């Protein structure tokens, strides 16, 4: 019985040891199908990729904002049809605060309902990255 206990302790001790020379870190491969390591260049969680207006933000504004914020529309007093207009709205007119409000809160933009969080995150990152045009 004593031999069995001693042997069990010895095996447990050996099993818990590791040789750091033979252990290597496994790097997660980059792939579009691996959500833990995104390769989407417009992914706001990828801190090395700068967001730009023309590449990332313009399509979001066009899809969510210009139906009201363009000439002849209900919010034509604050057009959002050009880079300069959208940049000014971020810097001086509270656009970031308005798009980040929760559904049902007064002042939420777009008025038709809150846009997807991924789109909001891209616009916020665009601001963080310096409101670059290209």
C-alpha atoms as a PDB file:
ATOM      1  CA  UNK A   1       0.000   0.000   0.000  1.00  0.00           C
ATOM      2  CA  UNK A   2       2.847   2.393   0.876  1.00  0.00           C
ATOM      3  CA  UNK A   3       4.488   1.661  -2.478  1.00  0.00           C
ATOM      4  CA  UNK A   4       1.260   2.509  -4.337  1.00  0.00           C
ATOM      5  CA  UNK A   5       0.883   5.823  -2.514  1.00  0.00           C
ATOM      6  CA  UNK A   6       4.545   6.718  -3.073  1.00  0.00           C
ATOM      7  CA  UNK A   7       4.299   5.795  -6.756  1.00  0.00           C
ATOM      8  CA  UNK A   8       1.100   7.872  -7.160  1.00  0.00           C
ATOM      9  CA  UNK A   9       2.749  10.908  -5.558  1.00  0.00           C
ATOM     10  CA  UNK A  10       5.832  10.494  -7.749  1.00  0.00           C
ATOM     11  CA  UNK A  11       3.731  10.220 -10.927  1.00  0.00           C
ATOM     12  CA  UNK A  12       1.679  13.250  -9.937  1.00  0.00           C
ATOM     13  CA  UNK A  13       4.844  15.253  -9.315  1.00  0.00           C
ATOM     14  CA  UNK A  14       6.304  14.243 -12.670  1.00  0.00           C
ATOM     15  CA  UNK A  15       3.065  15.011 -14.505  1.00  0.00           C
ATOM     16  CA  UNK A  16       2.944  18.499 -13.047  1.00  0.00           C
ATOM     17  CA  UNK A  17       6.462  19.338 -14.240  1.00  0.00           C
ATOM     18  CA  UNK A  18       6.975  20.944 -17.612  1.00  0.00           C
ATOM     19  CA  UNK A  19      10.009  21.665 -19.681  1.00  0.00           C
ATOM     20  CA  UNK A  20       9.806  25.277 -20.872  1.00  0.00           C
ATOM     21  CA  UNK A  21      12.260  24.527 -23.697  1.00  0.00           C
ATOM     22  CA  UNK A  22       9.810  22.160 -25.342  1.00  0.00           C
ATOM     23  CA  UNK A  23       6.729  24.286 -24.742  1.00  0.00           C
ATOM     24  CA  UNK A  24       5.889  26.825 -27.406  1.00  0.00           C
ATOM     25  CA  UNK A  25       3.083  29.304 -27.648  1.00  0.00           C
ATOM     26  CA  UNK A  26       0.578  28.600 -30.351  1.00  0.00           C
ATOM     27  CA  UNK A  27      -0.389  31.687 -32.292  1.00  0.00           C
ATOM     28  CA  UNK A  28      -3.987  31.994 -33.387  1.00  0.00           C
ATOM     29  CA  UNK A  29      -4.075  32.171 -37.162  1.00  0.00           C
ATOM     30  CA  UNK A  30      -5.623  35.187 -38.755  1.00  0.00           C
ATOM     31  CA  UNK A  31      -8.702  34.339 -40.731  1.00  0.00           C
ATOM     32  CA  UNK A  32     -12.077  35.830 -41.602  1.00  0.00           C
ATOM     33  CA  UNK A  33     -13.778  32.859 -39.980  1.00  0.00           C
ATOM     34  CA  UNK A  34     -11.947  33.247 -36.669  1.00  0.00           C
ATOM     35  CA  UNK A  35     -13.873  35.832 -34.631  1.00  0.00           C
ATOM     36  CA  UNK A  36     -11.266  35.922 -31.880  1.00  0.00           C
ATOM     37  CA  UNK A  37      -8.656  37.264 -34.288  1.00  0.00           C
ATOM     38  CA  UNK A  38     -10.500  39.465 -36.790  1.00  0.00           C
ATOM     39  CA  UNK A  39      -8.967  40.388 -40.102  1.00  0.00           C
ATOM     40  CA  UNK A  40     -11.658  42.817 -41.197  1.00  0.00           C
ATOM     41  CA  UNK A  41      -9.765  46.070 -41.772  1.00  0.00           C
ATOM     42  CA  UNK A  42     -12.755  48.080 -40.615  1.00  0.00           C
ATOM     43  CA  UNK A  43     -13.207  46.154 -37.395  1.00  0.00           C
ATOM     44  CA  UNK A  44     -13.222  48.670 -34.515  1.00  0.00           C
ATOM     45  CA  UNK A  45     -11.699  46.067 -32.224  1.00  0.00           C
ATOM     46  CA  UNK A  46      -8.547  45.999 -34.356  1.00  0.00           C
ATOM     47  CA  UNK A  47      -6.531  48.879 -32.883  1.00  0.00           C
ATOM     48  CA  UNK A  48      -3.901  48.890 -35.646  1.00  0.00           C
ATOM     49  CA  UNK A  49      -6.308  49.729 -38.460  1.00  0.00           C
ATOM     50  CA  UNK A  50      -7.194  53.401 -38.878  1.00  0.00           C
ATOM     51  CA  UNK A  51     -10.795  54.144 -39.734  1.00  0.00           C
ATOM     52  CA  UNK A  52     -11.326  56.679 -42.522  1.00  0.00           C
ATOM     53  CA  UNK A  53     -14.384  58.548 -43.719  1.00  0.00           C
ATOM     54  CA  UNK A  54     -14.270  57.411 -47.343  1.00  0.00           C
ATOM     55  CA  UNK A  55     -13.430  53.776 -46.633  1.00  0.00           C
ATOM     56  CA  UNK A  56     -15.593  53.138 -43.565  1.00  0.00           C
ATOM     57  CA  UNK A  57     -17.859  55.950 -42.378  1.00  0.00           C
ATOM     58  CA  UNK A  58     -19.440  57.420 -45.522  1.00  0.00           C
ATOM     59  CA  UNK A  59     -21.484  54.305 -46.287  1.00  0.00           C
ATOM     60  CA  UNK A  60     -22.843  54.261 -42.720  1.00  0.00           C
ATOM     61  CA  UNK A  61     -23.834  57.940 -42.912  1.00  0.00           C
ATOM     62  CA  UNK A  62     -25.376  57.438 -46.348  1.00  0.00           C
ATOM     63  CA  UNK A  63     -27.420  54.457 -45.147  1.00  0.00           C
ATOM     64  CA  UNK A  64     -28.553  55.967 -41.835  1.00  0.00           C
ATOM     65  CA  UNK A  65     -28.480  59.760 -41.994  1.00  0.00           C
ATOM     66  CA  UNK A  66     -28.818  61.442 -45.372  1.00  0.00           C
ATOM     67  CA  UNK A  67     -32.442  60.467 -45.835  1.00  0.00           C
ATOM     68  CA  UNK A  68     -33.134  63.338 -43.413  1.00  0.00           C
ATOM     69  CA  UNK A  69     -29.833  65.241 -43.423  1.00  0.00           C
ATOM     70  CA  UNK A  70     -29.646  66.315 -47.068  1.00  0.00           C
ATOM     71  CA  UNK A  71     -30.976  69.119 -49.213  1.00  0.00           C
ATOM     72  CA  UNK A  72     -34.761  69.383 -49.220  1.00  0.00           C
ATOM     73  CA  UNK A  73     -35.204  66.932 -46.339  1.00  0.00           C
ATOM     74  CA  UNK A  74     -36.513  67.463 -42.818  1.00  0.00           C
ATOM     75  CA  UNK A  75     -33.058  68.016 -41.310  1.00  0.00           C
ATOM     76  CA  UNK A  76     -31.526  69.875 -44.238  1.00  0.00           C
ATOM     77  CA  UNK A  77     -30.418  72.587 -41.783  1.00  0.00           C
ATOM     78  CA  UNK A  78     -27.675  70.110 -40.733  1.00  0.00           C
ATOM     79  CA  UNK A  79     -26.622  68.329 -43.940  1.00  0.00           C
ATOM     80  CA  UNK A  80     -24.392  65.284 -43.649  1.00  0.00           C
ATOM     81  CA  UNK A  81     -23.602  64.712 -47.302  1.00  0.00           C
ATOM     82  CA  UNK A  82     -19.884  65.571 -47.331  1.00  0.00           C
ATOM     83  CA  UNK A  83     -16.823  64.704 -45.301  1.00  0.00           C
ATOM     84  CA  UNK A  84     -16.536  68.291 -44.007  1.00  0.00           C
ATOM     85  CA  UNK A  85     -20.170  68.324 -42.859  1.00  0.00           C
ATOM     86  CA  UNK A  86     -19.925  64.992 -41.031  1.00  0.00           C
ATOM     87  CA  UNK A  87     -16.595  65.961 -39.446  1.00  0.00           C
ATOM     88  CA  UNK A  88     -18.100  69.260 -38.254  1.00  0.00           C
ATOM     89  CA  UNK A  89     -21.119  67.412 -36.838  1.00  0.00           C
ATOM     90  CA  UNK A  90     -18.803  65.149 -34.826  1.00  0.00           C
ATOM     91  CA  UNK A  91     -16.629  68.016 -33.617  1.00  0.00           C
ATOM     92  CA  UNK A  92     -19.279  70.686 -32.966  1.00  0.00           C
ATOM     93  CA  UNK A  93     -22.812  69.317 -33.081  1.00  0.00           C
ATOM     94  CA  UNK A  94     -22.790  66.290 -30.785  1.00  0.00           C
ATOM     95  CA  UNK A  95     -23.210  63.633 -33.460  1.00  0.00           C
ATOM     96  CA  UNK A  96     -21.374  61.011 -31.397  1.00  0.00           C
ATOM     97  CA  UNK A  97     -23.584  61.591 -28.383  1.00  0.00           C
ATOM     98  CA  UNK A  98     -26.772  61.445 -30.443  1.00  0.00           C
ATOM     99  CA  UNK A  99     -25.947  58.159 -32.164  1.00  0.00           C
ATOM    100  CA  UNK A 100     -24.919  56.542 -28.862  1.00  0.00           C
ATOM    101  CA  UNK A 101     -28.215  57.229 -27.082  1.00  0.00           C
ATOM    102  CA  UNK A 102     -30.336  54.201 -26.312  1.00  0.00           C
ATOM    103  CA  UNK A 103     -33.606  53.446 -28.098  1.00  0.00           C
ATOM    104  CA  UNK A 104     -36.394  55.553 -26.678  1.00  0.00           C
ATOM    105  CA  UNK A 105     -34.132  58.350 -25.438  1.00  0.00           C
ATOM    106  CA  UNK A 106     -34.924  61.826 -26.664  1.00  0.00           C
ATOM    107  CA  UNK A 107     -32.543  63.052 -29.356  1.00  0.00           C
ATOM    108  CA  UNK A 108     -31.544  59.613 -30.633  1.00  0.00           C
ATOM    109  CA  UNK A 109     -30.284  59.625 -34.198  1.00  0.00           C
ATOM    110  CA  UNK A 110     -31.270  58.255 -36.535  1.00  0.00           C
ATOM    111  CA  UNK A 111     -34.853  58.920 -35.608  1.00  0.00           C
ATOM    112  CA  UNK A 112     -36.013  55.656 -37.173  1.00  0.00           C
ATOM    113  CA  UNK A 113     -34.147  53.704 -34.507  1.00  0.00           C
ATOM    114  CA  UNK A 114     -30.693  53.098 -33.179  1.00  0.00           C
ATOM    115  CA  UNK A 115     -28.169  51.960 -35.767  1.00  0.00           C
ATOM    116  CA  UNK A 116     -26.162  48.791 -35.270  1.00  0.00           C
ATOM    117  CA  UNK A 117     -23.598  48.993 -32.471  1.00  0.00           C
ATOM    118  CA  UNK A 118     -20.839  47.963 -34.898  1.00  0.00           C
ATOM    119  CA  UNK A 119     -21.585  51.067 -36.984  1.00  0.00           C
ATOM    120  CA  UNK A 120     -21.572  53.286 -33.902  1.00  0.00           C
ATOM    121  CA  UNK A 121     -18.254  51.758 -32.831  1.00  0.00           C
ATOM    122  CA  UNK A 122     -16.741  52.503 -36.255  1.00  0.00           C
ATOM    123  CA  UNK A 123     -17.786  56.139 -36.105  1.00  0.00           C
ATOM    124  CA  UNK A 124     -16.446  56.487 -32.551  1.00  0.00           C
ATOM    125  CA  UNK A 125     -13.148  54.885 -33.604  1.00  0.00           C
ATOM    126  CA  UNK A 126     -13.012  57.208 -36.624  1.00  0.00           C
ATOM    127  CA  UNK A 127     -13.162  60.116 -34.171  1.00  0.00           C
ATOM    128  CA  UNK A 128     -10.493  58.512 -31.974  1.00  0.00           C
ATOM    129  CA  UNK A 129      -8.292  57.963 -35.039  1.00  0.00           C
ATOM    130  CA  UNK A 130      -8.413  61.668 -35.893  1.00  0.00           C
ATOM    131  CA  UNK A 131     -11.380  61.986 -38.288  1.00  0.00           C
ATOM    132  CA  UNK A 132      -9.279  61.087 -41.324  1.00  0.00           C
ATOM    133  CA  UNK A 133     -10.842  61.495 -44.768  1.00  0.00           C
ATOM    134  CA  UNK A 134      -8.816  58.897 -46.713  1.00  0.00           C
END
